[in-house]
Amino acid sequence: MAEIAKEVQAEILSKIKSGIPAVKLSKDYGVHIQTIYGWLRKSVSGPSYSELNKYKN
Protein backbone atom coordinates (compact mmCIF):
# COMPACT_ATOMS: atom_id res chain seq x y z
CA MET A 1 0.00 0.00 0.00
CA ALA A 2 1.34 3.42 -0.95
CA GLU A 3 1.83 5.98 1.79
CA ILE A 4 -0.22 9.16 1.53
CA ALA A 5 1.86 12.35 1.36
CA LYS A 6 1.87 14.43 4.56
CA GLU A 7 0.58 17.41 2.57
CA VAL A 8 -2.45 15.42 1.42
CA GLN A 9 -3.09 14.19 4.97
CA ALA A 10 -2.97 17.77 6.25
CA GLU A 11 -5.32 18.92 3.48
CA ILE A 12 -7.85 16.19 4.26
CA LEU A 13 -7.74 16.87 8.00
CA SER A 14 -8.14 20.58 7.42
CA LYS A 15 -11.20 20.00 5.26
CA ILE A 16 -12.73 17.66 7.83
CA LYS A 17 -12.22 20.19 10.60
CA SER A 18 -13.87 22.85 8.42
CA GLY A 19 -16.98 20.70 8.21
CA ILE A 20 -16.64 18.51 5.12
CA PRO A 21 -17.73 14.94 5.95
CA ALA A 22 -14.93 12.39 6.26
CA VAL A 23 -16.91 9.95 4.12
CA LYS A 24 -17.02 12.41 1.21
CA LEU A 25 -13.29 13.12 1.45
CA SER A 26 -12.57 9.40 1.64
CA LYS A 27 -14.32 8.92 -1.69
CA ASP A 28 -12.87 12.07 -3.26
CA TYR A 29 -9.25 11.23 -2.37
CA GLY A 30 -9.50 7.45 -2.57
CA VAL A 31 -8.31 7.04 1.03
CA HIS A 32 -9.94 4.41 3.23
CA ILE A 33 -12.20 5.97 5.85
CA GLN A 34 -10.46 4.11 8.70
CA THR A 35 -7.14 5.63 7.61
CA ILE A 36 -8.66 9.10 7.89
CA TYR A 37 -10.10 8.31 11.33
CA GLY A 38 -6.64 7.15 12.41
CA TRP A 39 -5.17 10.48 11.30
CA LEU A 40 -7.90 12.27 13.25
CA ARG A 41 -7.10 10.32 16.41
CA LYS A 42 -3.42 11.26 16.08
CA SER A 43 -4.12 14.91 15.23
CA VAL A 44 -6.41 15.72 18.13
CA SER A 45 -4.53 16.07 21.40
CA GLY A 46 -6.30 14.28 24.21
CA PRO A 47 -9.43 13.49 22.18
CA SER A 48 -12.61 12.43 23.82
CA TYR A 49 -14.92 9.95 22.18
CA SER A 50 -17.46 12.70 21.47
CA GLU A 51 -14.82 14.92 19.83
CA LEU A 52 -13.85 12.13 17.45
CA ASN A 53 -17.47 11.29 16.70
CA LYS A 54 -18.31 14.82 15.60
CA TYR A 55 -15.95 14.31 12.62
CA LYS A 56 -17.62 11.05 11.60
CA ASN A 57 -20.33 12.35 9.32
PDB file of N, CA and C in Angstrom:
ATOM      1  N   MET A   1       0.847  -1.177   0.000  1.00  0.00           N
ATOM      2  CA  MET A   1       0.000   0.000   0.000  1.00  0.00           C
ATOM      3  C   MET A   1       0.894   1.242   0.000  1.00  0.00           C
ATOM      4  N   ALA A   2       0.562   2.188  -0.843  1.00  0.00           N
ATOM      5  CA  ALA A   2       1.342   3.423  -0.946  1.00  0.00           C
ATOM      6  C   ALA A   2       1.014   4.349   0.224  1.00  0.00           C
ATOM      7  N   GLU A   3       2.042   5.024   0.695  1.00  0.00           N
ATOM      8  CA  GLU A   3       1.834   5.979   1.788  1.00  0.00           C
ATOM      9  C   GLU A   3       1.298   7.289   1.224  1.00  0.00           C
ATOM     10  N   ILE A   4       0.378   7.893   1.936  1.00  0.00           N
ATOM     11  CA  ILE A   4      -0.217   9.161   1.528  1.00  0.00           C
ATOM     12  C   ILE A   4       0.723  10.292   1.961  1.00  0.00           C
ATOM     13  N   ALA A   5       0.970  11.228   1.065  1.00  0.00           N
ATOM     14  CA  ALA A   5       1.859  12.352   1.361  1.00  0.00           C
ATOM     15  C   ALA A   5       1.325  13.155   2.550  1.00  0.00           C
ATOM     16  N   LYS A   6       2.249  13.641   3.368  1.00  0.00           N
ATOM     17  CA  LYS A   6       1.874  14.432   4.559  1.00  0.00           C
ATOM     18  C   LYS A   6       1.041  15.650   4.173  1.00  0.00           C
ATOM     19  N   GLU A   7       1.328  16.237   3.018  1.00  0.00           N
ATOM     20  CA  GLU A   7       0.579  17.414   2.568  1.00  0.00           C
ATOM     21  C   GLU A   7      -0.879  17.054   2.298  1.00  0.00           C
ATOM     22  N   VAL A   8      -1.089  15.875   1.715  1.00  0.00           N
ATOM     23  CA  VAL A   8      -2.454  15.420   1.420  1.00  0.00           C
ATOM     24  C   VAL A   8      -3.181  15.104   2.724  1.00  0.00           C
ATOM     25  N   GLN A   9      -2.484  14.465   3.660  1.00  0.00           N
ATOM     26  CA  GLN A   9      -3.089  14.186   4.966  1.00  0.00           C
ATOM     27  C   GLN A   9      -3.537  15.484   5.626  1.00  0.00           C
ATOM     28  N   ALA A  10      -2.653  16.478   5.623  1.00  0.00           N
ATOM     29  CA  ALA A  10      -2.974  17.767   6.248  1.00  0.00           C
ATOM     30  C   ALA A  10      -4.157  18.426   5.560  1.00  0.00           C
ATOM     31  N   GLU A  11      -4.207  18.330   4.241  1.00  0.00           N
ATOM     32  CA  GLU A  11      -5.316  18.924   3.481  1.00  0.00           C
ATOM     33  C   GLU A  11      -6.640  18.253   3.846  1.00  0.00           C
ATOM     34  N   ILE A  12      -6.636  16.932   3.913  1.00  0.00           N
ATOM     35  CA  ILE A  12      -7.852  16.189   4.258  1.00  0.00           C
ATOM     36  C   ILE A  12      -8.308  16.542   5.673  1.00  0.00           C
ATOM     37  N   LEU A  13      -7.380  16.540   6.620  1.00  0.00           N
ATOM     38  CA  LEU A  13      -7.743  16.867   8.004  1.00  0.00           C
ATOM     39  C   LEU A  13      -8.273  18.286   8.133  1.00  0.00           C
ATOM     40  N   SER A  14      -7.676  19.194   7.394  1.00  0.00           N
ATOM     41  CA  SER A  14      -8.138  20.581   7.418  1.00  0.00           C
ATOM     42  C   SER A  14      -9.570  20.684   6.901  1.00  0.00           C
ATOM     43  N   LYS A  15      -9.855  19.969   5.830  1.00  0.00           N
ATOM     44  CA  LYS A  15     -11.203  20.002   5.260  1.00  0.00           C
ATOM     45  C   LYS A  15     -12.220  19.368   6.202  1.00  0.00           C
ATOM     46  N   ILE A  16     -11.825  18.290   6.878  1.00  0.00           N
ATOM     47  CA  ILE A  16     -12.731  17.658   7.835  1.00  0.00           C
ATOM     48  C   ILE A  16     -13.046  18.623   8.969  1.00  0.00           C
ATOM     49  N   LYS A  17     -12.020  19.266   9.479  1.00  0.00           N
ATOM     50  CA  LYS A  17     -12.220  20.189  10.600  1.00  0.00           C
ATOM     51  C   LYS A  17     -13.015  21.421  10.200  1.00  0.00           C
ATOM     52  N   SER A  18     -13.052  21.727   8.885  1.00  0.00           N
ATOM     53  CA  SER A  18     -13.865  22.853   8.424  1.00  0.00           C
ATOM     54  C   SER A  18     -15.309  22.435   8.154  1.00  0.00           C
ATOM     55  N   GLY A  19     -15.600  21.139   8.308  1.00  0.00           N
ATOM     56  CA  GLY A  19     -16.980  20.700   8.205  1.00  0.00           C
ATOM     57  C   GLY A  19     -17.315  19.759   7.071  1.00  0.00           C
ATOM     58  N   ILE A  20     -16.368  19.436   6.219  1.00  0.00           N
ATOM     59  CA  ILE A  20     -16.638  18.510   5.116  1.00  0.00           C
ATOM     60  C   ILE A  20     -16.629  17.087   5.685  1.00  0.00           C
ATOM     61  N   PRO A  21     -17.648  16.295   5.383  1.00  0.00           N
ATOM     62  CA  PRO A  21     -17.727  14.943   5.945  1.00  0.00           C
ATOM     63  C   PRO A  21     -16.539  14.065   5.539  1.00  0.00           C
ATOM     64  N   ALA A  22     -16.052  13.290   6.503  1.00  0.00           N
ATOM     65  CA  ALA A  22     -14.931  12.388   6.263  1.00  0.00           C
ATOM     66  C   ALA A  22     -15.265  11.375   5.171  1.00  0.00           C
ATOM     67  N   VAL A  23     -16.499  10.930   5.132  1.00  0.00           N
ATOM     68  CA  VAL A  23     -16.911   9.950   4.123  1.00  0.00           C
ATOM     69  C   VAL A  23     -16.753  10.517   2.712  1.00  0.00           C
ATOM     70  N   LYS A  24     -17.152  11.763   2.526  1.00  0.00           N
ATOM     71  CA  LYS A  24     -17.024  12.406   1.211  1.00  0.00           C
ATOM     72  C   LYS A  24     -15.553  12.524   0.813  1.00  0.00           C
ATOM     73  N   LEU A  25     -14.716  12.961   1.749  1.00  0.00           N
ATOM     74  CA  LEU A  25     -13.294  13.118   1.447  1.00  0.00           C
ATOM     75  C   LEU A  25     -12.633  11.775   1.182  1.00  0.00           C
ATOM     76  N   SER A  26     -13.084  10.746   1.875  1.00  0.00           N
ATOM     77  CA  SER A  26     -12.572   9.401   1.642  1.00  0.00           C
ATOM     78  C   SER A  26     -12.799   8.996   0.190  1.00  0.00           C
ATOM     79  N   LYS A  27     -13.998   9.249  -0.294  1.00  0.00           N
ATOM     80  CA  LYS A  27     -14.323   8.923  -1.688  1.00  0.00           C
ATOM     81  C   LYS A  27     -13.569   9.816  -2.660  1.00  0.00           C
ATOM     82  N   ASP A  28     -13.519  11.118  -2.368  1.00  0.00           N
ATOM     83  CA  ASP A  28     -12.868  12.074  -3.262  1.00  0.00           C
ATOM     84  C   ASP A  28     -11.376  11.792  -3.431  1.00  0.00           C
ATOM     85  N   TYR A  29     -10.706  11.432  -2.338  1.00  0.00           N
ATOM     86  CA  TYR A  29      -9.254  11.234  -2.365  1.00  0.00           C
ATOM     87  C   TYR A  29      -8.846   9.770  -2.538  1.00  0.00           C
ATOM     88  N   GLY A  30      -9.815   8.864  -2.440  1.00  0.00           N
ATOM     89  CA  GLY A  30      -9.496   7.448  -2.568  1.00  0.00           C
ATOM     90  C   GLY A  30      -8.715   6.907  -1.380  1.00  0.00           C
ATOM     91  N   VAL A  31      -8.978   7.474  -0.205  1.00  0.00           N
ATOM     92  CA  VAL A  31      -8.312   7.043   1.028  1.00  0.00           C
ATOM     93  C   VAL A  31      -9.353   6.335   1.890  1.00  0.00           C
ATOM     94  N   HIS A  32      -9.000   5.167   2.410  1.00  0.00           N
ATOM     95  CA  HIS A  32      -9.939   4.411   3.231  1.00  0.00           C
ATOM     96  C   HIS A  32     -10.365   5.247   4.437  1.00  0.00           C
ATOM     97  N   ILE A  33     -11.637   5.168   4.768  1.00  0.00           N
ATOM     98  CA  ILE A  33     -12.199   5.970   5.855  1.00  0.00           C
ATOM     99  C   ILE A  33     -11.505   5.686   7.192  1.00  0.00           C
ATOM    100  N   GLN A  34     -11.135   4.442   7.446  1.00  0.00           N
ATOM    101  CA  GLN A  34     -10.461   4.111   8.702  1.00  0.00           C
ATOM    102  C   GLN A  34      -9.077   4.752   8.783  1.00  0.00           C
ATOM    103  N   THR A  35      -8.433   4.934   7.641  1.00  0.00           N
ATOM    104  CA  THR A  35      -7.143   5.630   7.605  1.00  0.00           C
ATOM    105  C   THR A  35      -7.331   7.081   8.038  1.00  0.00           C
ATOM    106  N   ILE A  36      -8.367   7.713   7.528  1.00  0.00           N
ATOM    107  CA  ILE A  36      -8.659   9.103   7.888  1.00  0.00           C
ATOM    108  C   ILE A  36      -8.974   9.205   9.376  1.00  0.00           C
ATOM    109  N   TYR A  37      -9.778   8.282   9.906  1.00  0.00           N
ATOM    110  CA  TYR A  37     -10.098   8.305  11.331  1.00  0.00           C
ATOM    111  C   TYR A  37      -8.837   8.126  12.177  1.00  0.00           C
ATOM    112  N   GLY A  38      -7.907   7.316  11.707  1.00  0.00           N
ATOM    113  CA  GLY A  38      -6.642   7.153  12.411  1.00  0.00           C
ATOM    114  C   GLY A  38      -5.861   8.456  12.457  1.00  0.00           C
ATOM    115  N   TRP A  39      -5.839   9.167  11.339  1.00  0.00           N
ATOM    116  CA  TRP A  39      -5.174  10.478  11.299  1.00  0.00           C
ATOM    117  C   TRP A  39      -5.845  11.432  12.277  1.00  0.00           C
ATOM    118  N   LEU A  40      -7.165  11.396  12.334  1.00  0.00           N
ATOM    119  CA  LEU A  40      -7.896  12.274  13.255  1.00  0.00           C
ATOM    120  C   LEU A  40      -7.517  11.971  14.699  1.00  0.00           C
ATOM    121  N   ARG A  41      -7.456  10.691  15.043  1.00  0.00           N
ATOM    122  CA  ARG A  41      -7.095  10.316  16.407  1.00  0.00           C
ATOM    123  C   ARG A  41      -5.720  10.851  16.773  1.00  0.00           C
ATOM    124  N   LYS A  42      -4.786  10.792  15.829  1.00  0.00           N
ATOM    125  CA  LYS A  42      -3.423  11.260  16.085  1.00  0.00           C
ATOM    126  C   LYS A  42      -3.337  12.783  16.100  1.00  0.00           C
ATOM    127  N   SER A  43      -4.216  13.458  15.364  1.00  0.00           N
ATOM    128  CA  SER A  43      -4.118  14.912  15.225  1.00  0.00           C
ATOM    129  C   SER A  43      -4.768  15.685  16.365  1.00  0.00           C
ATOM    130  N   VAL A  44      -5.693  15.054  17.062  1.00  0.00           N
ATOM    131  CA  VAL A  44      -6.413  15.723  18.133  1.00  0.00           C
ATOM    132  C   VAL A  44      -5.714  15.363  19.439  1.00  0.00           C
ATOM    133  N   SER A  45      -5.236  16.373  20.149  1.00  0.00           N
ATOM    134  CA  SER A  45      -4.531  16.070  21.397  1.00  0.00           C
ATOM    135  C   SER A  45      -5.540  15.800  22.496  1.00  0.00           C
ATOM    136  N   GLY A  46      -5.397  14.654  23.133  1.00  0.00           N
ATOM    137  CA  GLY A  46      -6.302  14.281  24.207  1.00  0.00           C
ATOM    138  C   GLY A  46      -7.744  14.209  23.781  1.00  0.00           C
ATOM    139  N   PRO A  47      -8.041  13.500  22.679  1.00  0.00           N
ATOM    140  CA  PRO A  47      -9.426  13.488  22.182  1.00  0.00           C
ATOM    141  C   PRO A  47     -10.366  12.709  23.086  1.00  0.00           C
ATOM    142  N   SER A  48     -11.563  13.197  23.150  1.00  0.00           N
ATOM    143  CA  SER A  48     -12.606  12.433  23.817  1.00  0.00           C
ATOM    144  C   SER A  48     -13.377  11.703  22.728  1.00  0.00           C
ATOM    145  N   TYR A  49     -14.131  10.719  23.134  1.00  0.00           N
ATOM    146  CA  TYR A  49     -14.917   9.950  22.180  1.00  0.00           C
ATOM    147  C   TYR A  49     -15.884  10.861  21.425  1.00  0.00           C
ATOM    148  N   SER A  50     -16.503  11.799  22.120  1.00  0.00           N
ATOM    149  CA  SER A  50     -17.463  12.697  21.474  1.00  0.00           C
ATOM    150  C   SER A  50     -16.775  13.641  20.480  1.00  0.00           C
ATOM    151  N   GLU A  51     -15.547  14.059  20.772  1.00  0.00           N
ATOM    152  CA  GLU A  51     -14.824  14.917  19.826  1.00  0.00           C
ATOM    153  C   GLU A  51     -14.538  14.164  18.539  1.00  0.00           C
ATOM    154  N   LEU A  52     -14.114  12.907  18.647  1.00  0.00           N
ATOM    155  CA  LEU A  52     -13.846  12.129  17.450  1.00  0.00           C
ATOM    156  C   LEU A  52     -15.131  11.859  16.669  1.00  0.00           C
ATOM    157  N   ASN A  53     -16.211  11.596  17.375  1.00  0.00           N
ATOM    158  CA  ASN A  53     -17.471  11.293  16.704  1.00  0.00           C
ATOM    159  C   ASN A  53     -18.026  12.468  15.917  1.00  0.00           C
ATOM    160  N   LYS A  54     -17.750  13.682  16.335  1.00  0.00           N
ATOM    161  CA  LYS A  54     -18.311  14.821  15.598  1.00  0.00           C
ATOM    162  C   LYS A  54     -17.716  14.927  14.192  1.00  0.00           C
ATOM    163  N   TYR A  55     -16.557  14.298  13.948  1.00  0.00           N
ATOM    164  CA  TYR A  55     -15.952  14.312  12.618  1.00  0.00           C
ATOM    165  C   TYR A  55     -16.434  13.160  11.752  1.00  0.00           C
ATOM    166  N   LYS A  56     -17.123  12.206  12.345  1.00  0.00           N
ATOM    167  CA  LYS A  56     -17.617  11.053  11.601  1.00  0.00           C
ATOM    168  C   LYS A  56     -19.002  11.369  11.065  1.00  0.00           C
ATOM    169  N   ASN A  57     -19.039  11.970   9.899  1.00  0.00           N
ATOM    170  CA  ASN A  57     -20.330  12.352   9.319  1.00  0.00           C
ATOM    171  C   ASN A  57     -20.845  11.300   8.424  1.00  0.00           C
TER     172      ASN A  57
END
